[in-house]
Amino acid sequence: MRIRTRIAPLTLTAALLAGAAATVTTASAGAAEPQQSVSIQADCYGSAKNYTSAPGSGSSNAHWPGTGTWAYTTANCADINLKVNATREVRTCFKATGSCNSWRTARAGQWALAATDVRDGSGFYIQFRGTARSTGLIAY
């Protein structure tokens, strides 16, 4: 009889520990999701390149890459991201459609979205409102 009284508390303790382990496992699995998006951002931003735009002239805006050339999106990023050295209004123009998206403000020293959900291999260029050159980082 004494053995039973000792087994019951041990069984209860084991059951509680198993429940706690299941809770920790579930919490760990849920915590992996944000790390995944951080990892994707790190891969994207890790592929960033320095850029210097071509200046505009007259009523023509500054742009990157150079006149008559296109950049092509990669599998590194789902979006086109800019980190400008000076705050600028930017927009992305696409080869396939011949059209540009709306102007967006890219703030100095911060990552900004120039275009979202862009297919891999899409031809594009970036316009910077005004004629002054723009410099910074681009990831796409």
C-alpha atoms as a PDB file:
ATOM      1  CA  MET A   1       0.000   0.000   0.000  1.00  0.00           C
ATOM      2  CA  ARG A   2       2.776   2.350   0.747  1.00  0.00           C
ATOM      3  CA  ILE A   3       4.156   1.782  -2.725  1.00  0.00           C
ATOM      4  CA  ARG A   4       0.902   2.979  -4.269  1.00  0.00           C
ATOM      5  CA  THR A   5       1.003   6.275  -2.402  1.00  0.00           C
ATOM      6  CA  ARG A   6       4.516   6.895  -3.628  1.00  0.00           C
ATOM      7  CA  ILE A   7       3.686   5.920  -7.221  1.00  0.00           C
ATOM      8  CA  ALA A   8       0.655   8.192  -7.421  1.00  0.00           C
ATOM      9  CA  PRO A   9       2.631  11.396  -6.642  1.00  0.00           C
ATOM     10  CA  LEU A  10       5.375  10.291  -9.049  1.00  0.00           C
ATOM     11  CA  THR A  11       2.793   9.586 -11.762  1.00  0.00           C
ATOM     12  CA  LEU A  12       1.188  12.971 -11.178  1.00  0.00           C
ATOM     13  CA  THR A  13       4.599  14.682 -11.330  1.00  0.00           C
ATOM     14  CA  ALA A  14       5.468  12.858 -14.568  1.00  0.00           C
ATOM     15  CA  ALA A  15       2.130  13.873 -16.113  1.00  0.00           C
ATOM     16  CA  LEU A  16       2.669  17.506 -15.139  1.00  0.00           C
ATOM     17  CA  LEU A  17       6.188  17.485 -16.547  1.00  0.00           C
ATOM     18  CA  ALA A  18       4.963  15.946 -19.809  1.00  0.00           C
ATOM     19  CA  GLY A  19       2.299  18.654 -20.096  1.00  0.00           C
ATOM     20  CA  ALA A  20       4.877  21.367 -19.454  1.00  0.00           C
ATOM     21  CA  ALA A  21       7.189  19.864 -22.098  1.00  0.00           C
ATOM     22  CA  ALA A  22       4.326  19.848 -24.616  1.00  0.00           C
ATOM     23  CA  THR A  23       3.596  23.493 -23.821  1.00  0.00           C
ATOM     24  CA  VAL A  24       7.261  24.447 -24.280  1.00  0.00           C
ATOM     25  CA  THR A  25       7.419  22.525 -27.572  1.00  0.00           C
ATOM     26  CA  THR A  26       4.284  24.268 -28.839  1.00  0.00           C
ATOM     27  CA  ALA A  27       5.603  27.682 -27.785  1.00  0.00           C
ATOM     28  CA  SER A  28       8.918  26.964 -29.493  1.00  0.00           C
ATOM     29  CA  ALA A  29       7.196  25.980 -32.729  1.00  0.00           C
ATOM     30  CA  GLY A  30       5.176  29.209 -32.696  1.00  0.00           C
ATOM     31  CA  ALA A  31       8.298  31.257 -32.007  1.00  0.00           C
ATOM     32  CA  ALA A  32       9.994  29.872 -35.134  1.00  0.00           C
ATOM     33  CA  GLU A  33       7.679  31.773 -37.476  1.00  0.00           C
ATOM     34  CA  PRO A  34       8.941  35.305 -36.719  1.00  0.00           C
ATOM     35  CA  GLN A  35      12.524  34.048 -36.954  1.00  0.00           C
ATOM     36  CA  GLN A  36      11.726  32.779 -40.437  1.00  0.00           C
ATOM     37  CA  SER A  37      10.622  36.239 -41.658  1.00  0.00           C
ATOM     38  CA  VAL A  38      13.688  37.789 -39.991  1.00  0.00           C
ATOM     39  CA  SER A  39      15.810  35.249 -41.856  1.00  0.00           C
ATOM     40  CA  ILE A  40      14.133  36.131 -45.160  1.00  0.00           C
ATOM     41  CA  GLN A  41      14.732  39.844 -44.532  1.00  0.00           C
ATOM     42  CA  ALA A  42      18.352  39.142 -43.647  1.00  0.00           C
ATOM     43  CA  ASP A  43      18.806  37.212 -46.914  1.00  0.00           C
ATOM     44  CA  CYS A  44      17.150  40.015 -48.869  1.00  0.00           C
ATOM     45  CA  TYR A  45      18.965  42.922 -47.217  1.00  0.00           C
ATOM     46  CA  GLY A  46      22.158  40.869 -47.194  1.00  0.00           C
ATOM     47  CA  SER A  47      22.038  40.883 -51.009  1.00  0.00           C
ATOM     48  CA  ALA A  48      21.760  44.706 -51.130  1.00  0.00           C
ATOM     49  CA  LYS A  49      24.026  46.611 -53.491  1.00  0.00           C
ATOM     50  CA  ASN A  50      25.255  50.176 -53.427  1.00  0.00           C
ATOM     51  CA  TYR A  51      23.691  52.323 -56.128  1.00  0.00           C
ATOM     52  CA  THR A  52      24.216  55.786 -57.573  1.00  0.00           C
ATOM     53  CA  SER A  53      21.453  56.999 -59.838  1.00  0.00           C
ATOM     54  CA  ALA A  54      21.878  58.862 -63.077  1.00  0.00           C
ATOM     55  CA  PRO A  55      20.955  62.527 -62.652  1.00  0.00           C
ATOM     56  CA  GLY A  56      17.856  63.919 -64.284  1.00  0.00           C
ATOM     57  CA  SER A  57      17.785  66.965 -66.524  1.00  0.00           C
ATOM     58  CA  GLY A  58      15.112  69.514 -67.320  1.00  0.00           C
ATOM     59  CA  SER A  59      11.782  67.820 -66.531  1.00  0.00           C
ATOM     60  CA  SER A  60      13.367  64.337 -66.490  1.00  0.00           C
ATOM     61  CA  ASN A  61      13.745  62.679 -63.063  1.00  0.00           C
ATOM     62  CA  ALA A  62      16.911  61.025 -61.781  1.00  0.00           C
ATOM     63  CA  HIS A  63      16.794  57.242 -62.237  1.00  0.00           C
ATOM     64  CA  TRP A  64      18.582  53.955 -61.592  1.00  0.00           C
ATOM     65  CA  PRO A  65      19.980  52.009 -63.380  1.00  0.00           C
ATOM     66  CA  GLY A  66      21.346  54.080 -66.259  1.00  0.00           C
ATOM     67  CA  THR A  67      19.322  55.326 -69.214  1.00  0.00           C
ATOM     68  CA  GLY A  68      18.023  52.557 -71.455  1.00  0.00           C
ATOM     69  CA  THR A  69      18.870  49.746 -69.022  1.00  0.00           C
ATOM     70  CA  TRP A  70      16.740  47.620 -66.720  1.00  0.00           C
ATOM     71  CA  ALA A  71      17.421  45.835 -63.458  1.00  0.00           C
ATOM     72  CA  TYR A  72      15.770  42.436 -62.989  1.00  0.00           C
ATOM     73  CA  THR A  73      14.304  41.179 -59.731  1.00  0.00           C
ATOM     74  CA  THR A  74      15.760  38.088 -58.093  1.00  0.00           C
ATOM     75  CA  ALA A  75      14.557  35.339 -55.757  1.00  0.00           C
ATOM     76  CA  ASN A  76      16.429  37.092 -52.907  1.00  0.00           C
ATOM     77  CA  CYS A  77      13.543  39.485 -52.177  1.00  0.00           C
ATOM     78  CA  ALA A  78       9.799  39.525 -52.771  1.00  0.00           C
ATOM     79  CA  ASP A  79       9.894  43.340 -52.895  1.00  0.00           C
ATOM     80  CA  ILE A  80      12.130  46.092 -54.254  1.00  0.00           C
ATOM     81  CA  ASN A  81      13.746  47.794 -51.257  1.00  0.00           C
ATOM     82  CA  LEU A  82      15.731  51.022 -51.031  1.00  0.00           C
ATOM     83  CA  LYS A  83      17.807  52.572 -48.284  1.00  0.00           C
ATOM     84  CA  VAL A  84      18.495  56.089 -49.531  1.00  0.00           C
ATOM     85  CA  ASN A  85      21.178  58.380 -48.131  1.00  0.00           C
ATOM     86  CA  ALA A  86      18.862  61.425 -48.417  1.00  0.00           C
ATOM     87  CA  THR A  87      15.053  61.396 -48.164  1.00  0.00           C
ATOM     88  CA  ARG A  88      13.516  61.151 -51.655  1.00  0.00           C
ATOM     89  CA  GLU A  89      10.233  60.488 -53.417  1.00  0.00           C
ATOM     90  CA  VAL A  90      10.640  57.292 -55.456  1.00  0.00           C
ATOM     91  CA  ARG A  91       8.602  55.159 -57.798  1.00  0.00           C
ATOM     92  CA  THR A  92       9.213  51.946 -59.688  1.00  0.00           C
ATOM     93  CA  CYS A  93       8.587  51.588 -63.419  1.00  0.00           C
ATOM     94  CA  PHE A  94       8.145  48.151 -64.993  1.00  0.00           C
ATOM     95  CA  LYS A  95       9.308  46.884 -68.368  1.00  0.00           C
ATOM     96  CA  ALA A  96       6.394  44.457 -68.886  1.00  0.00           C
ATOM     97  CA  THR A  97       3.662  47.066 -68.421  1.00  0.00           C
ATOM     98  CA  GLY A  98       5.476  50.250 -69.390  1.00  0.00           C
ATOM     99  CA  SER A  99       3.904  51.905 -66.344  1.00  0.00           C
ATOM    100  CA  CYS A 100       5.096  53.160 -62.967  1.00  0.00           C
ATOM    101  CA  ASN A 101       3.631  52.735 -59.497  1.00  0.00           C
ATOM    102  CA  SER A 102       2.736  55.669 -57.227  1.00  0.00           C
ATOM    103  CA  TRP A 103       5.336  57.940 -55.660  1.00  0.00           C
ATOM    104  CA  ARG A 104       6.469  56.810 -52.203  1.00  0.00           C
ATOM    105  CA  THR A 105       8.620  58.553 -49.643  1.00  0.00           C
ATOM    106  CA  ALA A 106      11.920  56.820 -48.886  1.00  0.00           C
ATOM    107  CA  ARG A 107      13.416  58.270 -45.698  1.00  0.00           C
ATOM    108  CA  ALA A 108      17.172  58.676 -45.284  1.00  0.00           C
ATOM    109  CA  GLY A 109      18.889  55.741 -43.582  1.00  0.00           C
ATOM    110  CA  GLN A 110      15.754  53.533 -43.419  1.00  0.00           C
ATOM    111  CA  TRP A 111      14.683  50.632 -45.599  1.00  0.00           C
ATOM    112  CA  ALA A 112      11.705  51.591 -47.747  1.00  0.00           C
ATOM    113  CA  LEU A 113       9.521  49.610 -50.140  1.00  0.00           C
ATOM    114  CA  ALA A 114       9.760  50.892 -53.701  1.00  0.00           C
ATOM    115  CA  ALA A 115       7.475  48.067 -54.939  1.00  0.00           C
ATOM    116  CA  THR A 116       5.860  45.056 -53.258  1.00  0.00           C
ATOM    117  CA  ASP A 117       5.148  41.471 -54.335  1.00  0.00           C
ATOM    118  CA  VAL A 118       7.196  41.659 -57.532  1.00  0.00           C
ATOM    119  CA  ARG A 119       7.686  38.506 -59.609  1.00  0.00           C
ATOM    120  CA  ASP A 120      11.217  37.161 -59.974  1.00  0.00           C
ATOM    121  CA  GLY A 121      12.821  38.222 -63.259  1.00  0.00           C
ATOM    122  CA  SER A 122      10.734  41.394 -63.656  1.00  0.00           C
ATOM    123  CA  GLY A 123      12.494  44.242 -65.466  1.00  0.00           C
ATOM    124  CA  PHE A 124      12.320  47.577 -63.644  1.00  0.00           C
ATOM    125  CA  TYR A 125      13.956  50.917 -63.001  1.00  0.00           C
ATOM    126  CA  ILE A 126      13.615  53.378 -60.130  1.00  0.00           C
ATOM    127  CA  GLN A 127      12.772  57.056 -60.599  1.00  0.00           C
ATOM    128  CA  PHE A 128      13.757  59.660 -58.004  1.00  0.00           C
ATOM    129  CA  ARG A 129      11.630  62.807 -58.078  1.00  0.00           C
ATOM    130  CA  GLY A 130      13.805  65.712 -59.187  1.00  0.00           C
ATOM    131  CA  THR A 131      17.079  65.890 -61.050  1.00  0.00           C
ATOM    132  CA  ALA A 132      19.571  65.327 -58.197  1.00  0.00           C
ATOM    133  CA  ARG A 133      21.452  62.028 -58.082  1.00  0.00           C
ATOM    134  CA  SER A 134      20.443  59.549 -55.399  1.00  0.00           C
ATOM    135  CA  THR A 135      22.787  57.198 -53.569  1.00  0.00           C
ATOM    136  CA  GLY A 136      22.212  54.374 -51.116  1.00  0.00           C
ATOM    137  CA  LEU A 137      21.472  50.652 -51.064  1.00  0.00           C
ATOM    138  CA  ILE A 138      19.032  48.629 -53.154  1.00  0.00           C
ATOM    139  CA  ALA A 139      17.853  45.060 -52.564  1.00  0.00           C
ATOM    140  CA  TYR A 140      15.603  43.230 -55.019  1.00  0.00           C
END
